[in-house]
PDB file of N, CA and C in Angstrom:
ATOM      1  N   UNK A   1       0.871  -1.148   0.115  1.00  0.00           N
ATOM      2  CA  UNK A   1      -0.110   0.005   0.146  1.00  0.00           C
ATOM      3  C   UNK A   1       0.798   1.214  -0.031  1.00  0.00           C
ATOM      4  N   UNK A   2       0.118   2.162  -0.534  1.00  0.00           N
ATOM      5  CA  UNK A   2       1.196   3.338  -1.074  1.00  0.00           C
ATOM      6  C   UNK A   2       0.452   4.736  -0.322  1.00  0.00           C
ATOM      7  N   UNK A   3       0.877   5.192   0.944  1.00  0.00           N
ATOM      8  CA  UNK A   3      -0.121   6.079   1.404  1.00  0.00           C
ATOM      9  C   UNK A   3       0.415   7.454   1.239  1.00  0.00           C
ATOM     10  N   UNK A   4      -0.023   8.399   0.334  1.00  0.00           N
ATOM     11  CA  UNK A   4       0.548   9.405   0.165  1.00  0.00           C
ATOM     12  C   UNK A   4      -0.646  10.546   0.628  1.00  0.00           C
ATOM     13  N   UNK A   5      -1.211  10.519   1.710  1.00  0.00           N
ATOM     14  CA  UNK A   5      -2.200  11.120   2.089  1.00  0.00           C
ATOM     15  C   UNK A   5      -1.466  12.370   2.819  1.00  0.00           C
ATOM     16  N   UNK A   6      -1.796  13.398   2.724  1.00  0.00           N
ATOM     17  CA  UNK A   6      -1.045  14.653   3.480  1.00  0.00           C
ATOM     18  C   UNK A   6       0.559  15.132   2.648  1.00  0.00           C
ATOM     19  N   UNK A   7       0.602  14.585   1.660  1.00  0.00           N
ATOM     20  CA  UNK A   7       1.831  15.081   0.687  1.00  0.00           C
ATOM     21  C   UNK A   7       0.960  16.259  -0.664  1.00  0.00           C
ATOM     22  N   UNK A   8       1.628  17.389  -0.692  1.00  0.00           N
ATOM     23  CA  UNK A   8       1.449  18.250  -1.963  1.00  0.00           C
ATOM     24  C   UNK A   8       2.258  17.717  -3.236  1.00  0.00           C
ATOM     25  N   UNK A   9       1.656  18.257  -4.083  1.00  0.00           N
ATOM     26  CA  UNK A   9       2.009  17.976  -5.486  1.00  0.00           C
ATOM     27  C   UNK A   9       3.489  18.435  -5.190  1.00  0.00           C
ATOM     28  N   UNK A  10       4.087  18.045  -6.047  1.00  0.00           N
ATOM     29  CA  UNK A  10       4.371  16.754  -6.988  1.00  0.00           C
ATOM     30  C   UNK A  10       4.471  15.151  -6.078  1.00  0.00           C
ATOM     31  N   UNK A  11       4.662  15.537  -5.065  1.00  0.00           N
ATOM     32  CA  UNK A  11       5.209  14.348  -3.898  1.00  0.00           C
ATOM     33  C   UNK A  11       4.253  13.298  -4.011  1.00  0.00           C
ATOM     34  N   UNK A  12       2.731  13.006  -4.283  1.00  0.00           N
ATOM     35  CA  UNK A  12       2.235  11.824  -4.471  1.00  0.00           C
ATOM     36  C   UNK A  12       2.656  11.121  -5.535  1.00  0.00           C
ATOM     37  N   UNK A  13       2.876  11.877  -6.859  1.00  0.00           N
ATOM     38  CA  UNK A  13       3.312  11.261  -8.171  1.00  0.00           C
ATOM     39  C   UNK A  13       4.683  10.492  -7.877  1.00  0.00           C
ATOM     40  N   UNK A  14       5.614  11.379  -7.291  1.00  0.00           N
ATOM     41  CA  UNK A  14       6.662  10.860  -6.756  1.00  0.00           C
ATOM     42  C   UNK A  14       6.868   9.639  -6.412  1.00  0.00           C
ATOM     43  N   UNK A  15       6.207   9.584  -5.028  1.00  0.00           N
ATOM     44  CA  UNK A  15       6.267   8.513  -4.350  1.00  0.00           C
ATOM     45  C   UNK A  15       5.440   7.178  -5.098  1.00  0.00           C
ATOM     46  N   UNK A  16       4.428   7.555  -5.976  1.00  0.00           N
ATOM     47  CA  UNK A  16       3.815   6.329  -6.578  1.00  0.00           C
ATOM     48  C   UNK A  16       4.970   5.716  -7.715  1.00  0.00           C
ATOM     49  N   UNK A  17       5.391   6.803  -8.314  1.00  0.00           N
ATOM     50  CA  UNK A  17       6.705   6.287  -9.546  1.00  0.00           C
ATOM     51  C   UNK A  17       7.822   5.656  -8.646  1.00  0.00           C
ATOM     52  N   UNK A  18       8.094   6.109  -7.508  1.00  0.00           N
ATOM     53  CA  UNK A  18       9.294   5.024  -7.006  1.00  0.00           C
ATOM     54  C   UNK A  18       8.764   3.617  -6.534  1.00  0.00           C
ATOM     55  N   UNK A  19       7.225   3.352  -5.880  1.00  0.00           N
ATOM     56  CA  UNK A  19       6.639   2.386  -5.786  1.00  0.00           C
ATOM     57  C   UNK A  19       6.583   1.481  -7.208  1.00  0.00           C
ATOM     58  N   UNK A  20       6.481   1.791  -8.197  1.00  0.00           N
ATOM     59  CA  UNK A  20       5.857   1.366  -9.462  1.00  0.00           C
ATOM     60  C   UNK A  20       7.431   0.660 -10.129  1.00  0.00           C
ATOM     61  N   UNK A  21       8.491   1.225  -9.674  1.00  0.00           N
ATOM     62  CA  UNK A  21       9.714   0.512 -10.155  1.00  0.00           C
ATOM     63  C   UNK A  21      10.072  -0.807  -9.547  1.00  0.00           C
ATOM     64  N   UNK A  22       9.232  -1.400  -8.961  1.00  0.00           N
ATOM     65  CA  UNK A  22       9.365  -2.754  -8.214  1.00  0.00           C
ATOM     66  C   UNK A  22       8.536  -3.688  -9.044  1.00  0.00           C
ATOM     67  N   UNK A  23       8.049  -3.200  -9.952  1.00  0.00           N
ATOM     68  CA  UNK A  23       7.306  -3.679 -11.036  1.00  0.00           C
ATOM     69  C   UNK A  23       6.271  -4.617 -10.673  1.00  0.00           C
ATOM     70  N   UNK A  24       5.369  -4.387  -9.581  1.00  0.00           N
ATOM     71  CA  UNK A  24       4.505  -5.294  -9.198  1.00  0.00           C
ATOM     72  C   UNK A  24       3.286  -5.440 -10.240  1.00  0.00           C
ATOM     73  N   UNK A  25       2.365  -6.494 -10.006  1.00  0.00           N
ATOM     74  CA  UNK A  25       0.941  -6.624 -10.718  1.00  0.00           C
ATOM     75  C   UNK A  25       0.029  -5.539 -10.760  1.00  0.00           C
ATOM     76  N   UNK A  26       0.074  -5.119  -9.347  1.00  0.00           N
ATOM     77  CA  UNK A  26      -0.877  -4.446  -8.532  1.00  0.00           C
ATOM     78  C   UNK A  26      -0.683  -3.509  -7.323  1.00  0.00           C
ATOM     79  N   UNK A  27      -1.066  -2.388  -7.565  1.00  0.00           N
ATOM     80  CA  UNK A  27      -0.657  -1.554  -6.035  1.00  0.00           C
ATOM     81  C   UNK A  27      -2.174  -0.785  -5.844  1.00  0.00           C
ATOM     82  N   UNK A  28      -2.088  -0.407  -4.187  1.00  0.00           N
ATOM     83  CA  UNK A  28      -3.291   0.515  -3.795  1.00  0.00           C
ATOM     84  C   UNK A  28      -2.615   1.608  -3.476  1.00  0.00           C
ATOM     85  N   UNK A  29      -3.239   2.694  -3.345  1.00  0.00           N
ATOM     86  CA  UNK A  29      -2.863   4.358  -3.126  1.00  0.00           C
ATOM     87  C   UNK A  29      -4.160   4.468  -2.465  1.00  0.00           C
ATOM     88  N   UNK A  30      -3.591   5.276  -1.041  1.00  0.00           N
ATOM     89  CA  UNK A  30      -4.287   6.017  -0.040  1.00  0.00           C
ATOM     90  C   UNK A  30      -4.044   7.521  -0.661  1.00  0.00           C
ATOM     91  N   UNK A  31      -5.195   8.179  -0.901  1.00  0.00           N
ATOM     92  CA  UNK A  31      -5.057   9.656  -1.349  1.00  0.00           C
ATOM     93  C   UNK A  31      -5.984  10.611  -0.278  1.00  0.00           C
ATOM     94  N   UNK A  32      -5.392  11.884  -0.389  1.00  0.00           N
ATOM     95  CA  UNK A  32      -6.508  12.718   0.341  1.00  0.00           C
ATOM     96  C   UNK A  32      -6.908  13.877  -0.940  1.00  0.00           C
ATOM     97  N   UNK A  33      -6.705  14.055  -1.848  1.00  0.00           N
ATOM     98  CA  UNK A  33      -6.896  15.313  -2.602  1.00  0.00           C
ATOM     99  C   UNK A  33      -7.196  14.720  -3.938  1.00  0.00           C
ATOM    100  N   UNK A  34      -8.216  15.495  -4.609  1.00  0.00           N
ATOM    101  CA  UNK A  34      -8.590  15.021  -5.581  1.00  0.00           C
ATOM    102  C   UNK A  34      -7.599  15.411  -6.887  1.00  0.00           C
ATOM    103  N   UNK A  35      -7.141  16.265  -6.567  1.00  0.00           N
ATOM    104  CA  UNK A  35      -6.017  16.916  -7.447  1.00  0.00           C
ATOM    105  C   UNK A  35      -4.802  15.705  -7.471  1.00  0.00           C
ATOM    106  N   UNK A  36      -5.018  15.091  -6.262  1.00  0.00           N
ATOM    107  CA  UNK A  36      -3.760  14.008  -6.596  1.00  0.00           C
ATOM    108  C   UNK A  36      -4.095  12.968  -7.212  1.00  0.00           C
ATOM    109  N   UNK A  37      -5.366  12.431  -6.724  1.00  0.00           N
ATOM    110  CA  UNK A  37      -5.972  11.540  -7.326  1.00  0.00           C
ATOM    111  C   UNK A  37      -5.793  11.795  -9.048  1.00  0.00           C
ATOM    112  N   UNK A  38      -6.219  12.833  -9.582  1.00  0.00           N
ATOM    113  CA  UNK A  38      -6.215  13.030 -11.085  1.00  0.00           C
ATOM    114  C   UNK A  38      -4.654  13.226 -11.788  1.00  0.00           C
ATOM    115  N   UNK A  39      -3.761  13.686 -10.800  1.00  0.00           N
ATOM    116  CA  UNK A  39      -2.061  13.408 -11.209  1.00  0.00           C
ATOM    117  C   UNK A  39      -1.570  12.002 -11.005  1.00  0.00           C
ATOM    118  N   UNK A  40      -1.717  11.088 -10.367  1.00  0.00           N
ATOM    119  CA  UNK A  40      -1.441  10.145 -10.115  1.00  0.00           C
ATOM    120  C   UNK A  40      -2.237   9.382 -11.096  1.00  0.00           C
ATOM    121  N   UNK A  41      -3.374   9.310 -11.337  1.00  0.00           N
ATOM    122  CA  UNK A  41      -4.116   8.787 -12.498  1.00  0.00           C
ATOM    123  C   UNK A  41      -3.604   8.781 -13.975  1.00  0.00           C
ATOM    124  N   UNK A  42      -3.155   9.851 -14.278  1.00  0.00           N
ATOM    125  CA  UNK A  42      -2.618  10.207 -15.299  1.00  0.00           C
ATOM    126  C   UNK A  42      -1.271   9.539 -15.367  1.00  0.00           C
ATOM    127  N   UNK A  43      -0.253  10.058 -14.393  1.00  0.00           N
ATOM    128  CA  UNK A  43       0.863   9.011 -14.456  1.00  0.00           C
ATOM    129  C   UNK A  43       0.815   7.653 -14.329  1.00  0.00           C
ATOM    130  N   UNK A  44      -0.106   7.231 -14.088  1.00  0.00           N
ATOM    131  CA  UNK A  44      -0.279   5.504 -13.811  1.00  0.00           C
ATOM    132  C   UNK A  44      -0.380   4.965 -15.444  1.00  0.00           C
ATOM    133  N   UNK A  45      -1.220   5.890 -16.036  1.00  0.00           N
ATOM    134  CA  UNK A  45      -1.717   5.585 -17.502  1.00  0.00           C
ATOM    135  C   UNK A  45      -0.564   5.325 -18.223  1.00  0.00           C
ATOM    136  N   UNK A  46       0.305   6.700 -18.011  1.00  0.00           N
ATOM    137  CA  UNK A  46       1.373   7.017 -18.777  1.00  0.00           C
ATOM    138  C   UNK A  46       2.479   5.773 -18.707  1.00  0.00           C
ATOM    139  N   UNK A  47       2.357   5.150 -17.548  1.00  0.00           N
ATOM    140  CA  UNK A  47       3.372   4.124 -17.095  1.00  0.00           C
ATOM    141  C   UNK A  47       2.903   2.612 -17.555  1.00  0.00           C
ATOM    142  N   UNK A  48       1.616   2.737 -18.040  1.00  0.00           N
ATOM    143  CA  UNK A  48       0.837   1.482 -18.648  1.00  0.00           C
ATOM    144  C   UNK A  48       0.095   0.461 -17.316  1.00  0.00           C
ATOM    145  N   UNK A  49      -0.438   1.519 -16.384  1.00  0.00           N
ATOM    146  CA  UNK A  49      -1.232   0.844 -15.524  1.00  0.00           C
ATOM    147  C   UNK A  49      -2.882   1.690 -15.618  1.00  0.00           C
ATOM    148  N   UNK A  50      -3.837   0.865 -15.422  1.00  0.00           N
ATOM    149  CA  UNK A  50      -5.004   1.170 -15.354  1.00  0.00           C
ATOM    150  C   UNK A  50      -5.408   1.327 -14.008  1.00  0.00           C
ATOM    151  N   UNK A  51      -6.196   2.537 -13.337  1.00  0.00           N
ATOM    152  CA  UNK A  51      -6.343   3.360 -12.112  1.00  0.00           C
ATOM    153  C   UNK A  51      -7.789   3.474 -12.039  1.00  0.00           C
ATOM    154  N   UNK A  52      -8.259   3.092 -10.800  1.00  0.00           N
ATOM    155  CA  UNK A  52      -9.622   2.934 -10.490  1.00  0.00           C
ATOM    156  C   UNK A  52      -9.615   3.558  -9.130  1.00  0.00           C
ATOM    157  N   UNK A  53     -10.690   4.476  -8.684  1.00  0.00           N
ATOM    158  CA  UNK A  53     -10.457   4.981  -7.439  1.00  0.00           C
ATOM    159  C   UNK A  53     -11.914   4.999  -7.019  1.00  0.00           C
ATOM    160  N   UNK A  54     -12.052   5.129  -5.772  1.00  0.00           N
ATOM    161  CA  UNK A  54     -13.128   5.390  -4.954  1.00  0.00           C
ATOM    162  C   UNK A  54     -13.012   6.126  -3.822  1.00  0.00           C
ATOM    163  N   UNK A  55     -14.049   6.836  -3.467  1.00  0.00           N
ATOM    164  CA  UNK A  55     -13.938   7.591  -2.015  1.00  0.00           C
ATOM    165  C   UNK A  55     -14.638   7.225  -1.107  1.00  0.00           C
ATOM    166  N   UNK A  56     -13.778   7.193   0.163  1.00  0.00           N
ATOM    167  CA  UNK A  56     -14.347   6.716   1.327  1.00  0.00           C
ATOM    168  C   UNK A  56     -14.165   7.630   2.476  1.00  0.00           C
ATOM    169  N   UNK A  57     -14.958   8.541   3.231  1.00  0.00           N
ATOM    170  CA  UNK A  57     -15.092   9.026   4.036  1.00  0.00           C
ATOM    171  C   UNK A  57     -14.182  10.568   3.740  1.00  0.00           C
ATOM    172  N   UNK A  58     -14.210  11.125   2.385  1.00  0.00           N
ATOM    173  CA  UNK A  58     -13.154  12.109   2.002  1.00  0.00           C
ATOM    174  C   UNK A  58     -12.002  11.645   1.980  1.00  0.00           C
ATOM    175  N   UNK A  59     -11.272  10.408   2.225  1.00  0.00           N
ATOM    176  CA  UNK A  59     -10.487  10.254   1.265  1.00  0.00           C
ATOM    177  C   UNK A  59     -10.594   9.291  -0.203  1.00  0.00           C
ATOM    178  N   UNK A  60      -9.729   8.778  -0.559  1.00  0.00           N
ATOM    179  CA  UNK A  60      -9.300   8.110  -1.956  1.00  0.00           C
ATOM    180  C   UNK A  60      -8.445   6.903  -1.617  1.00  0.00           C
ATOM    181  N   UNK A  61      -9.381   5.721  -2.111  1.00  0.00           N
ATOM    182  CA  UNK A  61      -8.350   4.438  -2.536  1.00  0.00           C
ATOM    183  C   UNK A  61      -8.373   4.203  -3.832  1.00  0.00           C
ATOM    184  N   UNK A  62      -7.166   4.260  -4.168  1.00  0.00           N
ATOM    185  CA  UNK A  62      -6.622   3.609  -5.876  1.00  0.00           C
ATOM    186  C   UNK A  62      -6.184   2.412  -6.019  1.00  0.00           C
ATOM    187  N   UNK A  63      -6.626   1.667  -6.850  1.00  0.00           N
ATOM    188  CA  UNK A  63      -6.261   0.539  -7.200  1.00  0.00           C
ATOM    189  C   UNK A  63      -5.377   0.414  -8.584  1.00  0.00           C
ATOM    190  N   UNK A  64      -4.292   0.291  -8.677  1.00  0.00           N
ATOM    191  CA  UNK A  64      -3.394   0.689 -10.239  1.00  0.00           C
ATOM    192  C   UNK A  64      -3.373  -1.053 -10.250  1.00  0.00           C
ATOM    193  N   UNK A  65      -3.548  -1.452 -11.675  1.00  0.00           N
ATOM    194  CA  UNK A  65      -3.183  -2.664 -12.266  1.00  0.00           C
ATOM    195  C   UNK A  65      -2.595  -2.533 -13.646  1.00  0.00           C
ATOM    196  N   UNK A  66      -1.658  -3.383 -13.876  1.00  0.00           N
ATOM    197  CA  UNK A  66      -0.844  -3.548 -14.847  1.00  0.00           C
ATOM    198  C   UNK A  66      -1.464  -3.810 -16.218  1.00  0.00           C
ATOM    199  N   UNK A  67      -1.428  -3.112 -17.323  1.00  0.00           N
ATOM    200  CA  UNK A  67      -2.192  -3.363 -18.240  1.00  0.00           C
ATOM    201  C   UNK A  67      -1.432  -4.329 -19.415  1.00  0.00           C
TER     202      UNK A  67
END
């Protein structure tokens, strides 16, 4: 799990990028800002991952899976 809650841009994208270097098939990301959700979603797509997210109590859980 990648927890990027409380981080300002561009830190969420940087942390996700570091995690993706492990080349796992899927990841779960915790975020607390819609701006971060959109930025991580765009980055994940460019890295070949499908991003799906859901809101839970004002926070977001994003699942990334390799395409």
